[in-house]
């Protein structure tokens, strides 16, 4: 585990602290700690920006980072060696840049005959309170090597709108 607890910093302080980290694995740990803790979108954006900088500067860091901790989780696809954790990490790193807005969450990941697919939620407009944020739900298509090959928006809604969740639950129970 990393020595940095992102919950101990404001977003601006965290951004300054991240500048001293050059290890993509440590940055991913900080991102995971933030997601498990306060889960602030600004902090996650700062971590993602730094992770992009580190990944761009050191391509060798992104290739060899699948340590023993992740080895058991990446067995999702025996033919290509790309697993669900690799897909999730690729989506986290690329979705916001691709769509041009901050990633809020990865909702679903699946594998089919044509490769991988994922559904993500993107913050399309921030509001105060955040329950009024406008989120877009997008589907991403990925090939067997986890490269994103296409995407499209499925829906837009307010974060606080539970109608679609309630409709899904109602249809599942009938």
C-alpha atoms as a PDB file:
ATOM      1  CA  UNK A   1       0.000   0.000   0.000  1.00  0.00           C
ATOM      2  CA  UNK A   2       1.121   3.542  -0.660  1.00  0.00           C
ATOM      3  CA  UNK A   3       2.304   6.015   1.957  1.00  0.00           C
ATOM      4  CA  UNK A   4      -0.079   8.655   0.611  1.00  0.00           C
ATOM      5  CA  UNK A   5      -3.611   8.726   1.997  1.00  0.00           C
ATOM      6  CA  UNK A   6      -5.482  11.023  -0.403  1.00  0.00           C
ATOM      7  CA  UNK A   7      -8.176  11.727   2.203  1.00  0.00           C
ATOM      8  CA  UNK A   8      -5.612  13.663   4.246  1.00  0.00           C
ATOM      9  CA  UNK A   9      -5.233  16.276   1.492  1.00  0.00           C
ATOM     10  CA  UNK A  10      -7.382  18.840  -0.202  1.00  0.00           C
ATOM     11  CA  UNK A  11      -7.562  18.334  -3.962  1.00  0.00           C
ATOM     12  CA  UNK A  12      -5.005  21.119  -4.551  1.00  0.00           C
ATOM     13  CA  UNK A  13      -2.639  19.718  -1.915  1.00  0.00           C
ATOM     14  CA  UNK A  14      -3.043  16.237  -3.389  1.00  0.00           C
ATOM     15  CA  UNK A  15      -2.244  17.582  -6.857  1.00  0.00           C
ATOM     16  CA  UNK A  16       1.032  19.034  -5.491  1.00  0.00           C
ATOM     17  CA  UNK A  17       1.851  15.766  -3.727  1.00  0.00           C
ATOM     18  CA  UNK A  18       1.185  13.742  -6.892  1.00  0.00           C
ATOM     19  CA  UNK A  19       3.840  15.740  -8.768  1.00  0.00           C
ATOM     20  CA  UNK A  20       6.479  13.900  -6.725  1.00  0.00           C
ATOM     21  CA  UNK A  21       5.221  10.427  -7.757  1.00  0.00           C
ATOM     22  CA  UNK A  22       6.732   8.887 -10.887  1.00  0.00           C
ATOM     23  CA  UNK A  23       5.474   5.322 -10.408  1.00  0.00           C
ATOM     24  CA  UNK A  24       2.242   4.372 -12.207  1.00  0.00           C
ATOM     25  CA  UNK A  25       1.579   1.545  -9.752  1.00  0.00           C
ATOM     26  CA  UNK A  26       1.708   3.918  -6.782  1.00  0.00           C
ATOM     27  CA  UNK A  27      -0.589   6.353  -8.592  1.00  0.00           C
ATOM     28  CA  UNK A  28      -3.087   3.552  -9.221  1.00  0.00           C
ATOM     29  CA  UNK A  29      -2.972   2.689  -5.509  1.00  0.00           C
ATOM     30  CA  UNK A  30      -3.667   6.328  -4.635  1.00  0.00           C
ATOM     31  CA  UNK A  31      -6.557   6.345  -7.132  1.00  0.00           C
ATOM     32  CA  UNK A  32      -7.968   3.168  -5.570  1.00  0.00           C
ATOM     33  CA  UNK A  33      -7.623   4.635  -2.061  1.00  0.00           C
ATOM     34  CA  UNK A  34      -9.482   7.761  -3.200  1.00  0.00           C
ATOM     35  CA  UNK A  35     -12.239   5.666  -4.795  1.00  0.00           C
ATOM     36  CA  UNK A  36     -12.593   3.598  -1.626  1.00  0.00           C
ATOM     37  CA  UNK A  37     -12.477   6.696   0.598  1.00  0.00           C
ATOM     38  CA  UNK A  38     -13.867  10.133  -0.170  1.00  0.00           C
ATOM     39  CA  UNK A  39     -14.284   9.349  -3.888  1.00  0.00           C
ATOM     40  CA  UNK A  40     -13.902  13.005  -4.933  1.00  0.00           C
ATOM     41  CA  UNK A  41     -14.123  13.529  -8.673  1.00  0.00           C
ATOM     42  CA  UNK A  42     -11.587  16.386  -8.548  1.00  0.00           C
ATOM     43  CA  UNK A  43      -9.058  14.206  -6.760  1.00  0.00           C
ATOM     44  CA  UNK A  44      -9.622  11.341  -9.202  1.00  0.00           C
ATOM     45  CA  UNK A  45      -9.129  13.754 -12.104  1.00  0.00           C
ATOM     46  CA  UNK A  46      -5.844  14.989 -10.605  1.00  0.00           C
ATOM     47  CA  UNK A  47      -4.634  11.412 -10.184  1.00  0.00           C
ATOM     48  CA  UNK A  48      -5.692  10.515 -13.742  1.00  0.00           C
ATOM     49  CA  UNK A  49      -3.852  13.548 -15.137  1.00  0.00           C
ATOM     50  CA  UNK A  50      -0.675  12.609 -13.292  1.00  0.00           C
ATOM     51  CA  UNK A  51      -1.041   8.980 -14.349  1.00  0.00           C
ATOM     52  CA  UNK A  52      -1.263  10.074 -17.985  1.00  0.00           C
ATOM     53  CA  UNK A  53       1.895  12.142 -17.603  1.00  0.00           C
ATOM     54  CA  UNK A  54       3.797   9.269 -16.008  1.00  0.00           C
ATOM     55  CA  UNK A  55       2.499   6.776 -18.592  1.00  0.00           C
ATOM     56  CA  UNK A  56       3.412   9.088 -21.465  1.00  0.00           C
ATOM     57  CA  UNK A  57       6.925   9.667 -20.141  1.00  0.00           C
ATOM     58  CA  UNK A  58       7.721   6.032 -19.326  1.00  0.00           C
ATOM     59  CA  UNK A  59       6.127   3.489 -21.630  1.00  0.00           C
ATOM     60  CA  UNK A  60       8.078   0.705 -19.957  1.00  0.00           C
ATOM     61  CA  UNK A  61       6.296   1.431 -16.671  1.00  0.00           C
ATOM     62  CA  UNK A  62       2.861   0.650 -18.120  1.00  0.00           C
ATOM     63  CA  UNK A  63       3.931  -2.656 -19.679  1.00  0.00           C
ATOM     64  CA  UNK A  64       5.501  -4.353 -16.679  1.00  0.00           C
ATOM     65  CA  UNK A  65       3.159  -3.219 -13.962  1.00  0.00           C
ATOM     66  CA  UNK A  66       1.093  -6.375 -13.688  1.00  0.00           C
ATOM     67  CA  UNK A  67       2.758  -7.571 -10.495  1.00  0.00           C
ATOM     68  CA  UNK A  68       1.853 -10.723  -8.586  1.00  0.00           C
ATOM     69  CA  UNK A  69      -1.000  -8.884  -6.825  1.00  0.00           C
ATOM     70  CA  UNK A  70      -2.886  -8.502 -10.121  1.00  0.00           C
ATOM     71  CA  UNK A  71      -1.803 -11.791 -11.709  1.00  0.00           C
ATOM     72  CA  UNK A  72      -4.653 -13.807 -10.184  1.00  0.00           C
ATOM     73  CA  UNK A  73      -7.236 -11.242 -11.285  1.00  0.00           C
ATOM     74  CA  UNK A  74      -6.182 -10.964 -14.920  1.00  0.00           C
ATOM     75  CA  UNK A  75      -7.118 -14.442 -16.090  1.00  0.00           C
ATOM     76  CA  UNK A  76     -10.343 -13.245 -17.738  1.00  0.00           C
ATOM     77  CA  UNK A  77      -9.250 -14.232 -21.251  1.00  0.00           C
ATOM     78  CA  UNK A  78      -6.763 -17.062 -21.564  1.00  0.00           C
ATOM     79  CA  UNK A  79      -6.306 -16.682 -25.317  1.00  0.00           C
ATOM     80  CA  UNK A  80      -4.954 -13.136 -25.353  1.00  0.00           C
ATOM     81  CA  UNK A  81      -3.655 -12.778 -21.812  1.00  0.00           C
ATOM     82  CA  UNK A  82      -5.810  -9.657 -21.342  1.00  0.00           C
ATOM     83  CA  UNK A  83      -8.123  -9.895 -18.354  1.00  0.00           C
ATOM     84  CA  UNK A  84     -10.873  -7.870 -16.824  1.00  0.00           C
ATOM     85  CA  UNK A  85      -8.503  -5.879 -14.597  1.00  0.00           C
ATOM     86  CA  UNK A  86      -6.453  -4.897 -17.653  1.00  0.00           C
ATOM     87  CA  UNK A  87      -9.656  -3.810 -19.382  1.00  0.00           C
ATOM     88  CA  UNK A  88     -10.778  -1.790 -16.341  1.00  0.00           C
ATOM     89  CA  UNK A  89      -7.413  -0.057 -16.062  1.00  0.00           C
ATOM     90  CA  UNK A  90      -7.367   0.755 -19.772  1.00  0.00           C
ATOM     91  CA  UNK A  91     -10.876   2.185 -19.565  1.00  0.00           C
ATOM     92  CA  UNK A  92     -10.022   4.291 -16.506  1.00  0.00           C
ATOM     93  CA  UNK A  93      -6.931   5.662 -18.226  1.00  0.00           C
ATOM     94  CA  UNK A  94      -8.489   6.349 -21.634  1.00  0.00           C
ATOM     95  CA  UNK A  95     -12.251   6.963 -21.370  1.00  0.00           C
ATOM     96  CA  UNK A  96     -12.134  10.535 -20.065  1.00  0.00           C
ATOM     97  CA  UNK A  97      -9.618  11.584 -22.735  1.00  0.00           C
ATOM     98  CA  UNK A  98     -11.554   9.846 -25.475  1.00  0.00           C
ATOM     99  CA  UNK A  99     -14.939  11.330 -24.571  1.00  0.00           C
ATOM    100  CA  UNK A 100     -13.514  14.638 -23.364  1.00  0.00           C
ATOM    101  CA  UNK A 101     -15.177  14.694 -19.947  1.00  0.00           C
ATOM    102  CA  UNK A 102     -14.285  13.241 -16.517  1.00  0.00           C
ATOM    103  CA  UNK A 103     -14.985   9.558 -15.868  1.00  0.00           C
ATOM    104  CA  UNK A 104     -17.365   8.983 -12.963  1.00  0.00           C
ATOM    105  CA  UNK A 105     -17.499   5.185 -12.880  1.00  0.00           C
ATOM    106  CA  UNK A 106     -17.113   1.938 -14.768  1.00  0.00           C
ATOM    107  CA  UNK A 107     -20.539   0.301 -14.552  1.00  0.00           C
ATOM    108  CA  UNK A 108     -20.077  -2.895 -16.525  1.00  0.00           C
ATOM    109  CA  UNK A 109     -17.390  -4.915 -18.301  1.00  0.00           C
ATOM    110  CA  UNK A 110     -18.076  -8.004 -20.395  1.00  0.00           C
ATOM    111  CA  UNK A 111     -16.467 -10.242 -22.974  1.00  0.00           C
ATOM    112  CA  UNK A 112     -18.127 -11.532 -26.140  1.00  0.00           C
ATOM    113  CA  UNK A 113     -17.264 -13.050 -29.498  1.00  0.00           C
ATOM    114  CA  UNK A 114     -16.184  -9.692 -30.944  1.00  0.00           C
ATOM    115  CA  UNK A 115     -14.007  -8.654 -27.981  1.00  0.00           C
ATOM    116  CA  UNK A 116     -14.719  -6.709 -24.828  1.00  0.00           C
ATOM    117  CA  UNK A 117     -17.393  -4.135 -24.057  1.00  0.00           C
ATOM    118  CA  UNK A 118     -17.825  -1.744 -21.157  1.00  0.00           C
ATOM    119  CA  UNK A 119     -20.382   0.730 -19.919  1.00  0.00           C
ATOM    120  CA  UNK A 120     -19.112   3.865 -18.200  1.00  0.00           C
ATOM    121  CA  UNK A 121     -20.651   6.951 -16.656  1.00  0.00           C
ATOM    122  CA  UNK A 122     -19.153  10.294 -17.613  1.00  0.00           C
ATOM    123  CA  UNK A 123     -19.839  13.629 -15.892  1.00  0.00           C
ATOM    124  CA  UNK A 124     -21.233  15.794 -18.677  1.00  0.00           C
ATOM    125  CA  UNK A 125     -22.107  18.791 -16.503  1.00  0.00           C
ATOM    126  CA  UNK A 126     -21.180  19.448 -12.897  1.00  0.00           C
ATOM    127  CA  UNK A 127     -23.768  21.005 -10.594  1.00  0.00           C
ATOM    128  CA  UNK A 128     -24.170  22.027  -6.981  1.00  0.00           C
ATOM    129  CA  UNK A 129     -25.377  19.916  -5.295  1.00  0.00           C
ATOM    130  CA  UNK A 130     -23.705  17.042  -7.123  1.00  0.00           C
ATOM    131  CA  UNK A 131     -26.979  15.095  -7.142  1.00  0.00           C
ATOM    132  CA  UNK A 132     -27.916  17.443  -9.991  1.00  0.00           C
ATOM    133  CA  UNK A 133     -24.843  16.547 -12.089  1.00  0.00           C
ATOM    134  CA  UNK A 134     -25.716  15.440 -15.599  1.00  0.00           C
ATOM    135  CA  UNK A 135     -24.188  12.023 -16.301  1.00  0.00           C
ATOM    136  CA  UNK A 136     -23.852  10.327 -19.638  1.00  0.00           C
ATOM    137  CA  UNK A 137     -23.823   6.561 -19.880  1.00  0.00           C
ATOM    138  CA  UNK A 138     -21.566   5.332 -22.699  1.00  0.00           C
ATOM    139  CA  UNK A 139     -20.802   1.943 -24.129  1.00  0.00           C
ATOM    140  CA  UNK A 140     -17.200   1.298 -25.177  1.00  0.00           C
ATOM    141  CA  UNK A 141     -16.094  -1.431 -27.554  1.00  0.00           C
ATOM    142  CA  UNK A 142     -12.632  -2.931 -27.106  1.00  0.00           C
ATOM    143  CA  UNK A 143     -10.681  -5.487 -29.119  1.00  0.00           C
ATOM    144  CA  UNK A 144      -9.045  -8.589 -27.637  1.00  0.00           C
ATOM    145  CA  UNK A 145      -5.921  -6.569 -26.722  1.00  0.00           C
ATOM    146  CA  UNK A 146      -7.969  -4.005 -24.724  1.00  0.00           C
ATOM    147  CA  UNK A 147      -7.674  -1.207 -27.294  1.00  0.00           C
ATOM    148  CA  UNK A 148     -10.828   0.916 -27.486  1.00  0.00           C
ATOM    149  CA  UNK A 149     -12.274   0.616 -30.984  1.00  0.00           C
ATOM    150  CA  UNK A 150     -15.478   2.599 -30.596  1.00  0.00           C
ATOM    151  CA  UNK A 151     -17.959   4.220 -28.248  1.00  0.00           C
ATOM    152  CA  UNK A 152     -21.418   5.763 -28.190  1.00  0.00           C
ATOM    153  CA  UNK A 153     -23.642   7.498 -25.664  1.00  0.00           C
ATOM    154  CA  UNK A 154     -26.561   5.417 -24.471  1.00  0.00           C
ATOM    155  CA  UNK A 155     -28.321   7.857 -22.160  1.00  0.00           C
ATOM    156  CA  UNK A 156     -28.114  11.144 -20.218  1.00  0.00           C
ATOM    157  CA  UNK A 157     -29.655  11.685 -16.787  1.00  0.00           C
ATOM    158  CA  UNK A 158     -29.292  13.521 -13.487  1.00  0.00           C
ATOM    159  CA  UNK A 159     -27.155  11.756 -10.901  1.00  0.00           C
ATOM    160  CA  UNK A 160     -30.024  11.838  -8.391  1.00  0.00           C
ATOM    161  CA  UNK A 161     -32.528  10.324 -10.862  1.00  0.00           C
ATOM    162  CA  UNK A 162     -33.251   6.784  -9.692  1.00  0.00           C
ATOM    163  CA  UNK A 163     -36.058   6.155 -12.200  1.00  0.00           C
ATOM    164  CA  UNK A 164     -33.951   3.990 -14.514  1.00  0.00           C
ATOM    165  CA  UNK A 165     -32.624   1.950 -11.556  1.00  0.00           C
ATOM    166  CA  UNK A 166     -36.166   1.454 -10.242  1.00  0.00           C
ATOM    167  CA  UNK A 167     -37.415   0.448 -13.715  1.00  0.00           C
ATOM    168  CA  UNK A 168     -34.600  -2.085 -14.064  1.00  0.00           C
ATOM    169  CA  UNK A 169     -35.378  -3.556 -10.635  1.00  0.00           C
ATOM    170  CA  UNK A 170     -39.099  -3.756 -11.455  1.00  0.00           C
ATOM    171  CA  UNK A 171     -38.497  -5.524 -14.759  1.00  0.00           C
ATOM    172  CA  UNK A 172     -36.071  -7.966 -13.120  1.00  0.00           C
ATOM    173  CA  UNK A 173     -38.648  -8.952 -10.492  1.00  0.00           C
ATOM    174  CA  UNK A 174     -41.426  -9.672 -13.030  1.00  0.00           C
END
